[in-house]
C-alpha atoms as a PDB file:
ATOM      1  CA  MET A   1      -0.644  82.671  22.721  1.00  0.00           C
ATOM      2  CA  ALA A   2      -1.833  80.471  25.209  1.00  0.00           C
ATOM      3  CA  GLY A   3      -1.048  80.254  28.946  1.00  0.00           C
ATOM      4  CA  VAL A   4       1.868  78.042  29.959  1.00  0.00           C
ATOM      5  CA  ARG A   5       1.175  75.295  32.504  1.00  0.00           C
ATOM      6  CA  ALA A   6       2.458  76.130  35.943  1.00  0.00           C
ATOM      7  CA  ASP A   7       3.250  72.566  36.897  1.00  0.00           C
ATOM      8  CA  GLU A   8       4.210  70.345  33.974  1.00  0.00           C
ATOM      9  CA  SER A   9       4.080  67.259  36.041  1.00  0.00           C
ATOM     10  CA  ALA A  10       0.420  68.014  36.981  1.00  0.00           C
ATOM     11  CA  PRO A  11      -2.236  65.942  35.350  1.00  0.00           C
ATOM     12  CA  ILE A  12      -3.442  67.768  32.211  1.00  0.00           C
ATOM     13  CA  ARG A  13      -7.022  69.537  32.870  1.00  0.00           C
ATOM     14  CA  VAL A  14      -9.615  68.832  30.212  1.00  0.00           C
ATOM     15  CA  LEU A  15     -13.103  70.638  29.916  1.00  0.00           C
ATOM     16  CA  ILE A  16     -15.562  68.875  27.530  1.00  0.00           C
ATOM     17  CA  VAL A  17     -18.066  70.759  25.385  1.00  0.00           C
ATOM     18  CA  ASP A  18     -20.828  68.780  23.198  1.00  0.00           C
ATOM     19  CA  ASP A  19     -24.511  69.158  23.340  1.00  0.00           C
ATOM     20  CA  ASP A  20     -24.770  65.624  23.084  1.00  0.00           C
ATOM     21  CA  ALA A  21     -24.856  64.076  26.510  1.00  0.00           C
ATOM     22  CA  LEU A  22     -24.124  60.459  25.405  1.00  0.00           C
ATOM     23  CA  VAL A  23     -20.772  62.121  23.721  1.00  0.00           C
ATOM     24  CA  ARG A  24     -19.981  64.123  26.975  1.00  0.00           C
ATOM     25  CA  ALA A  25     -20.313  60.579  28.721  1.00  0.00           C
ATOM     26  CA  GLY A  26     -18.407  58.611  26.086  1.00  0.00           C
ATOM     27  CA  LEU A  27     -15.486  61.214  26.123  1.00  0.00           C
ATOM     28  CA  THR A  28     -15.223  61.574  29.998  1.00  0.00           C
ATOM     29  CA  LEU A  29     -15.101  57.866  30.345  1.00  0.00           C
ATOM     30  CA  MET A  30     -12.366  57.160  27.688  1.00  0.00           C
ATOM     31  CA  LEU A  31     -10.468  59.928  28.922  1.00  0.00           C
ATOM     32  CA  LYS A  32     -10.497  58.851  32.378  1.00  0.00           C
ATOM     33  CA  GLY A  33      -8.646  55.900  31.725  1.00  0.00           C
ATOM     34  CA  ALA A  34      -5.233  57.911  31.188  1.00  0.00           C
ATOM     35  CA  PRO A  35      -3.491  58.470  34.421  1.00  0.00           C
ATOM     36  CA  ASP A  36      -2.345  61.901  33.076  1.00  0.00           C
ATOM     37  CA  LEU A  37      -5.283  63.611  32.264  1.00  0.00           C
ATOM     38  CA  HIS A  38      -7.839  64.823  34.554  1.00  0.00           C
ATOM     39  CA  ILE A  39     -11.382  65.811  33.388  1.00  0.00           C
ATOM     40  CA  VAL A  40     -12.594  68.949  35.195  1.00  0.00           C
ATOM     41  CA  GLY A  41     -15.895  69.390  33.715  1.00  0.00           C
ATOM     42  CA  ALA A  42     -18.279  69.071  30.862  1.00  0.00           C
ATOM     43  CA  VAL A  43     -20.694  71.595  29.390  1.00  0.00           C
ATOM     44  CA  ALA A  44     -23.462  71.437  26.718  1.00  0.00           C
ATOM     45  CA  ASP A  45     -23.456  74.556  25.049  1.00  0.00           C
ATOM     46  CA  GLY A  46     -20.804  77.212  23.816  1.00  0.00           C
ATOM     47  CA  ALA A  47     -22.243  79.739  25.936  1.00  0.00           C
ATOM     48  CA  GLU A  48     -21.221  77.912  29.038  1.00  0.00           C
ATOM     49  CA  VAL A  49     -17.585  77.693  27.952  1.00  0.00           C
ATOM     50  CA  GLU A  50     -16.090  80.944  29.350  1.00  0.00           C
ATOM     51  CA  GLY A  51     -17.685  80.568  32.518  1.00  0.00           C
ATOM     52  CA  ALA A  52     -16.531  76.796  32.994  1.00  0.00           C
ATOM     53  CA  VAL A  53     -13.176  77.669  31.920  1.00  0.00           C
ATOM     54  CA  ALA A  54     -12.912  80.558  34.639  1.00  0.00           C
ATOM     55  CA  GLU A  55     -14.188  78.051  37.048  1.00  0.00           C
ATOM     56  CA  HIS A  56     -12.301  74.908  36.132  1.00  0.00           C
ATOM     57  CA  GLU A  57      -8.812  76.267  34.477  1.00  0.00           C
ATOM     58  CA  PRO A  58      -8.644  73.655  31.946  1.00  0.00           C
ATOM     59  CA  ASP A  59      -5.584  73.400  29.891  1.00  0.00           C
ATOM     60  CA  VAL A  60      -7.400  71.819  26.865  1.00  0.00           C
ATOM     61  CA  VAL A  61     -10.955  72.171  25.827  1.00  0.00           C
ATOM     62  CA  LEU A  62     -12.400  69.360  23.295  1.00  0.00           C
ATOM     63  CA  MET A  63     -15.083  71.805  21.621  1.00  0.00           C
ATOM     64  CA  ASP A  64     -18.189  70.273  19.552  1.00  0.00           C
ATOM     65  CA  LEU A  65     -18.144  72.133  16.205  1.00  0.00           C
ATOM     66  CA  ARG A  66     -21.925  72.323  15.647  1.00  0.00           C
ATOM     67  CA  MET A  67     -24.137  72.612  18.724  1.00  0.00           C
ATOM     68  CA  GLY A  68     -27.373  74.831  19.278  1.00  0.00           C
ATOM     69  CA  GLY A  69     -27.034  77.922  20.821  1.00  0.00           C
ATOM     70  CA  VAL A  70     -23.636  79.271  20.697  1.00  0.00           C
ATOM     71  CA  GLY A  71     -21.719  77.075  18.225  1.00  0.00           C
ATOM     72  CA  GLY A  72     -18.151  75.884  18.621  1.00  0.00           C
ATOM     73  CA  ILE A  73     -16.776  78.378  16.151  1.00  0.00           C
ATOM     74  CA  GLU A  74     -17.910  81.484  18.221  1.00  0.00           C
ATOM     75  CA  ALA A  75     -17.197  79.920  21.602  1.00  0.00           C
ATOM     76  CA  THR A  76     -13.463  79.350  20.443  1.00  0.00           C
ATOM     77  CA  ARG A  77     -13.334  82.966  18.982  1.00  0.00           C
ATOM     78  CA  ARG A  78     -14.680  84.413  22.515  1.00  0.00           C
ATOM     79  CA  LEU A  79     -12.278  81.854  24.492  1.00  0.00           C
ATOM     80  CA  ARG A  80      -9.142  82.306  22.867  1.00  0.00           C
ATOM     81  CA  ALA A  81      -9.633  86.236  23.143  1.00  0.00           C
ATOM     82  CA  ARG A  82      -9.073  85.832  26.632  1.00  0.00           C
ATOM     83  CA  PRO A  83      -5.890  86.146  28.180  1.00  0.00           C
ATOM     84  CA  GLY A  84      -3.937  82.828  29.062  1.00  0.00           C
ATOM     85  CA  ALA A  85      -6.368  80.937  27.078  1.00  0.00           C
ATOM     86  CA  PRO A  86      -6.236  77.012  27.235  1.00  0.00           C
ATOM     87  CA  GLU A  87      -5.894  75.118  23.869  1.00  0.00           C
ATOM     88  CA  VAL A  88      -9.240  74.454  22.134  1.00  0.00           C
ATOM     89  CA  VAL A  89      -9.373  70.957  19.776  1.00  0.00           C
ATOM     90  CA  VAL A  90     -12.401  71.250  17.853  1.00  0.00           C
ATOM     91  CA  LEU A  91     -14.505  67.781  17.315  1.00  0.00           C
ATOM     92  CA  THR A  92     -16.315  67.232  14.148  1.00  0.00           C
ATOM     93  CA  THR A  93     -18.113  64.115  12.334  1.00  0.00           C
ATOM     94  CA  PHE A  94     -16.336  64.787   8.721  1.00  0.00           C
ATOM     95  CA  ASP A  95     -12.677  65.986   8.090  1.00  0.00           C
ATOM     96  CA  ALA A  96     -13.479  68.091   5.333  1.00  0.00           C
ATOM     97  CA  ASP A  97     -16.241  70.234   7.411  1.00  0.00           C
ATOM     98  CA  GLU A  98     -15.495  73.642   6.128  1.00  0.00           C
ATOM     99  CA  LEU A  99     -16.491  74.966   9.342  1.00  0.00           C
ATOM    100  CA  VAL A 100     -13.161  73.195  10.597  1.00  0.00           C
ATOM    101  CA  PHE A 101     -11.092  75.849   8.625  1.00  0.00           C
ATOM    102  CA  GLU A 102     -13.025  78.560  10.218  1.00  0.00           C
ATOM    103  CA  ALA A 103     -12.514  77.152  13.865  1.00  0.00           C
ATOM    104  CA  LEU A 104      -8.645  76.872  13.048  1.00  0.00           C
ATOM    105  CA  ARG A 105      -8.529  80.397  12.118  1.00  0.00           C
ATOM    106  CA  SER A 106     -10.571  81.391  15.247  1.00  0.00           C
ATOM    107  CA  GLY A 107      -7.724  80.146  17.000  1.00  0.00           C
ATOM    108  CA  ALA A 108      -8.192  76.262  17.518  1.00  0.00           C
ATOM    109  CA  SER A 109      -5.093  74.055  17.983  1.00  0.00           C
ATOM    110  CA  GLY A 110      -6.423  71.663  15.734  1.00  0.00           C
ATOM    111  CA  PHE A 111      -9.396  69.215  15.035  1.00  0.00           C
ATOM    112  CA  LEU A 112     -10.438  65.538  15.750  1.00  0.00           C
ATOM    113  CA  LEU A 113     -12.939  63.186  14.447  1.00  0.00           C
ATOM    114  CA  LYS A 114     -15.802  62.120  16.844  1.00  0.00           C
ATOM    115  CA  ASP A 115     -14.885  58.522  15.978  1.00  0.00           C
ATOM    116  CA  THR A 116     -11.265  58.842  16.482  1.00  0.00           C
ATOM    117  CA  PRO A 117     -10.028  55.473  18.796  1.00  0.00           C
ATOM    118  CA  PRO A 118      -9.815  56.553  22.424  1.00  0.00           C
ATOM    119  CA  GLU A 119      -5.944  56.380  22.332  1.00  0.00           C
ATOM    120  CA  GLY A 120      -5.790  58.770  19.611  1.00  0.00           C
ATOM    121  CA  ILE A 121      -7.832  61.442  21.481  1.00  0.00           C
ATOM    122  CA  VAL A 122      -5.545  61.044  24.318  1.00  0.00           C
ATOM    123  CA  ASP A 123      -2.451  61.216  22.421  1.00  0.00           C
ATOM    124  CA  ALA A 124      -3.929  64.285  20.686  1.00  0.00           C
ATOM    125  CA  VAL A 125      -4.594  66.257  23.999  1.00  0.00           C
ATOM    126  CA  ARG A 126      -0.713  65.384  25.069  1.00  0.00           C
ATOM    127  CA  LYS A 127       0.284  66.585  21.768  1.00  0.00           C
ATOM    128  CA  VAL A 128      -1.963  69.922  21.876  1.00  0.00           C
ATOM    129  CA  VAL A 129      -0.484  70.714  25.336  1.00  0.00           C
ATOM    130  CA  ALA A 130       3.051  70.115  24.244  1.00  0.00           C
ATOM    131  CA  GLY A 131       2.903  72.496  21.525  1.00  0.00           C
ATOM    132  CA  GLU A 132       2.877  69.730  18.792  1.00  0.00           C
ATOM    133  CA  PRO A 133       0.618  69.729  15.705  1.00  0.00           C
ATOM    134  CA  ILE A 134      -2.065  67.447  15.318  1.00  0.00           C
ATOM    135  CA  LEU A 135      -3.273  68.456  12.049  1.00  0.00           C
ATOM    136  CA  SER A 136      -1.763  66.937   9.097  1.00  0.00           C
ATOM    137  CA  PRO A 137      -0.601  69.010   6.107  1.00  0.00           C
ATOM    138  CA  SER A 138      -2.996  66.716   3.772  1.00  0.00           C
ATOM    139  CA  ILE A 139      -6.014  67.879   5.858  1.00  0.00           C
ATOM    140  CA  THR A 140      -4.779  71.439   5.628  1.00  0.00           C
ATOM    141  CA  ARG A 141      -4.576  71.134   1.848  1.00  0.00           C
ATOM    142  CA  LYS A 142      -8.091  69.336   1.631  1.00  0.00           C
ATOM    143  CA  LEU A 143      -9.809  72.281   3.658  1.00  0.00           C
ATOM    144  CA  ILE A 144      -7.763  74.826   1.758  1.00  0.00           C
ATOM    145  CA  ALA A 145      -9.142  73.376  -1.608  1.00  0.00           C
ATOM    146  CA  HIS A 146     -12.687  74.018  -0.279  1.00  0.00           C
ATOM    147  CA  LEU A 147     -12.009  78.158  -0.560  1.00  0.00           C
ATOM    148  CA  MET A 148     -13.583  80.160  -3.161  1.00  0.00           C
ATOM    149  CA  PRO A 149     -10.673  81.312  -5.343  1.00  0.00           C
ATOM    150  CA  GLU A 150     -11.050  84.998  -4.603  1.00  0.00           C
ATOM    151  CA  GLN A 151     -10.811  84.351  -1.141  1.00  0.00           C
ATOM    152  CA  GLU A 152      -7.537  82.520  -1.775  1.00  0.00           C
ATOM    153  CA  THR A 153      -6.001  85.074  -3.676  1.00  0.00           C
ATOM    154  CA  ARG A 154      -6.713  87.618  -0.883  1.00  0.00           C
ATOM    155  CA  ARG A 155      -5.307  85.380   1.718  1.00  0.00           C
ATOM    156  CA  ARG A 156      -1.923  84.705  -0.328  1.00  0.00           C
ATOM    157  CA  THR A 157      -1.050  88.441  -0.612  1.00  0.00           C
ATOM    158  CA  ASP A 158      -2.059  88.797   3.130  1.00  0.00           C
ATOM    159  CA  ALA A 159      -0.141  85.760   4.233  1.00  0.00           C
ATOM    160  CA  ARG A 160       3.177  86.826   2.255  1.00  0.00           C
ATOM    161  CA  GLN A 161       2.846  90.115   3.888  1.00  0.00           C
ATOM    162  CA  VAL A 162       3.008  88.399   7.294  1.00  0.00           C
ATOM    163  CA  LEU A 163       6.065  86.211   6.149  1.00  0.00           C
ATOM    164  CA  ASP A 164       8.035  88.986   4.963  1.00  0.00           C
ATOM    165  CA  ARG A 165       8.305  90.016   8.342  1.00  0.00           C
ATOM    166  CA  LEU A 166      10.176  86.953   9.484  1.00  0.00           C
ATOM    167  CA  SER A 167      13.998  86.487   8.831  1.00  0.00           C
ATOM    168  CA  GLU A 168      15.102  83.669   6.639  1.00  0.00           C
ATOM    169  CA  ARG A 169      15.998  81.418   9.472  1.00  0.00           C
ATOM    170  CA  GLU A 170      12.553  82.361  11.039  1.00  0.00           C
ATOM    171  CA  ARG A 171      10.846  81.409   7.523  1.00  0.00           C
ATOM    172  CA  GLU A 172      12.612  78.095   7.583  1.00  0.00           C
ATOM    173  CA  VAL A 173      11.174  77.197  11.065  1.00  0.00           C
ATOM    174  CA  ALA A 174       7.974  78.288   9.779  1.00  0.00           C
ATOM    175  CA  LEU A 175       8.084  76.283   6.973  1.00  0.00           C
ATOM    176  CA  ALA A 176       8.972  72.940   9.147  1.00  0.00           C
ATOM    177  CA  VAL A 177       6.138  73.736  11.287  1.00  0.00           C
ATOM    178  CA  ALA A 178       3.798  73.734   8.524  1.00  0.00           C
ATOM    179  CA  GLN A 179       4.754  70.554   7.114  1.00  0.00           C
ATOM    180  CA  GLY A 180       3.774  69.104  10.411  1.00  0.00           C
ATOM    181  CA  LYS A 181       7.211  68.308  11.979  1.00  0.00           C
ATOM    182  CA  PRO A 182       7.649  68.197  15.790  1.00  0.00           C
ATOM    183  CA  ASN A 183      10.139  70.528  17.559  1.00  0.00           C
ATOM    184  CA  ALA A 184      12.806  67.605  17.902  1.00  0.00           C
ATOM    185  CA  VAL A 185      12.569  66.868  14.041  1.00  0.00           C
ATOM    186  CA  ILE A 186      13.084  70.551  13.285  1.00  0.00           C
ATOM    187  CA  ALA A 187      15.792  71.003  15.292  1.00  0.00           C
ATOM    188  CA  GLY A 188      17.578  67.583  13.834  1.00  0.00           C
ATOM    189  CA  ASP A 189      16.799  69.162  10.498  1.00  0.00           C
ATOM    190  CA  LEU A 190      18.017  72.877  11.038  1.00  0.00           C
ATOM    191  CA  HIS A 191      20.684  71.842  13.468  1.00  0.00           C
ATOM    192  CA  MET A 192      19.559  73.557  16.527  1.00  0.00           C
ATOM    193  CA  SER A 193      18.465  72.548  19.999  1.00  0.00           C
ATOM    194  CA  VAL A 194      14.864  71.850  20.636  1.00  0.00           C
ATOM    195  CA  GLY A 195      14.868  75.041  23.285  1.00  0.00           C
ATOM    196  CA  THR A 196      15.987  77.053  20.198  1.00  0.00           C
ATOM    197  CA  VAL A 197      13.063  75.931  18.218  1.00  0.00           C
ATOM    198  CA  LYS A 198      10.789  76.666  20.609  1.00  0.00           C
ATOM    199  CA  GLY A 199      12.261  80.243  20.894  1.00  0.00           C
ATOM    200  CA  TYR A 200      12.163  80.790  17.376  1.00  0.00           C
ATOM    201  CA  ILE A 201       8.456  79.542  17.000  1.00  0.00           C
ATOM    202  CA  SER A 202       7.561  81.998  19.930  1.00  0.00           C
ATOM    203  CA  ARG A 203       9.232  85.034  18.301  1.00  0.00           C
ATOM    204  CA  ILE A 204       7.474  83.690  14.958  1.00  0.00           C
ATOM    205  CA  LEU A 205       4.258  83.642  16.532  1.00  0.00           C
ATOM    206  CA  THR A 206       4.575  86.821  18.044  1.00  0.00           C
ATOM    207  CA  LYS A 207       5.751  88.844  14.977  1.00  0.00           C
ATOM    208  CA  ALA A 208       2.869  87.271  12.790  1.00  0.00           C
ATOM    209  CA  GLY A 209       0.305  88.152  15.704  1.00  0.00           C
ATOM    210  CA  LEU A 210      -0.743  84.390  15.962  1.00  0.00           C
ATOM    211  CA  ASP A 211      -1.987  82.424  18.429  1.00  0.00           C
ATOM    212  CA  ASN A 212      -0.592  78.709  17.954  1.00  0.00           C
ATOM    213  CA  ARG A 213       1.615  76.653  15.244  1.00  0.00           C
ATOM    214  CA  VAL A 214      -1.684  75.701  13.387  1.00  0.00           C
ATOM    215  CA  GLN A 215      -2.545  78.991  12.657  1.00  0.00           C
ATOM    216  CA  LEU A 216       1.124  79.474  11.268  1.00  0.00           C
ATOM    217  CA  ALA A 217       0.942  76.520   9.158  1.00  0.00           C
ATOM    218  CA  LEU A 218      -2.292  77.714   7.504  1.00  0.00           C
ATOM    219  CA  ILE A 219      -0.308  81.048   6.886  1.00  0.00           C
ATOM    220  CA  VAL A 220       2.404  79.442   5.235  1.00  0.00           C
ATOM    221  CA  HIS A 221       0.134  77.175   3.088  1.00  0.00           C
ATOM    222  CA  ASP A 222      -1.993  80.297   2.308  1.00  0.00           C
ATOM    223  CA  ALA A 223       1.372  82.009   0.920  1.00  0.00           C
ATOM    224  CA  GLY A 224       1.853  79.031  -1.535  1.00  0.00           C
ATOM    225  CA  LEU A 225       5.275  78.022   0.276  1.00  0.00           C
END
C-alpha cells in the first residue's frame, strides 16, 4: 500500500507526467489555483518518473497513459513496486481505453479524462489522497466488458480464491468498496465507525495482496459479486 502522509495539514504534493508540453503547462496552471495542492514537478517521459519521485516525494502522480519511450502503464508498474509509493492517477483521452484497465491492475488508484474540468481534477487528487474511490462502478463494468471471455473466466476463479480468504464482515466491506461507496457511507450502512472501516480495508488489502481500493473493487467485480 502507498505510504501515509506525514503531515495531513500540509499541501498535497503533485507530480505531473505527460509528453505534451501544453498538457503539462495546462495541468500545472489549473492545479496551482488550489491552495491545498502544490505542484512539485513535471516530467515528459515515464523513464523520468522514478527519479522525479525520489527527488520531489509527491503524494500523487498524474500519469499520462500513452507516451513515447516508457509509457504510463510500465511507469506505474515500476513506481508502485517501490516502498511507500505515491498514488497514481492515469490520464487518458478515452474512458473505454483498454489500457486504462491494465494501468489499474498495475497499481493506479483511478483515472481521469484529459478534458475533465479543473475542479474535477482537483477533487480527484484530494479524494485519492484521502483513500476515496475516483472510479465509478459503471466505468469498471465497461472496462471489464472489453476483456476476452477466457481471460474473464480465469480472473473470476482467481478473484474468488482471493475473496475466500476474507471473513464475512470483510467481504461486506469489500463489496461496499466495489460499489464505489466512500468510507463514511460504508460506516453508516454497516453500523461501524469510519476508523473501523479504514481498519477493515487495510486488513483486506493486506490479506488480498493489493495496493489500493480500486484493485479491490476490480477483484470483487471479477468474482461476479
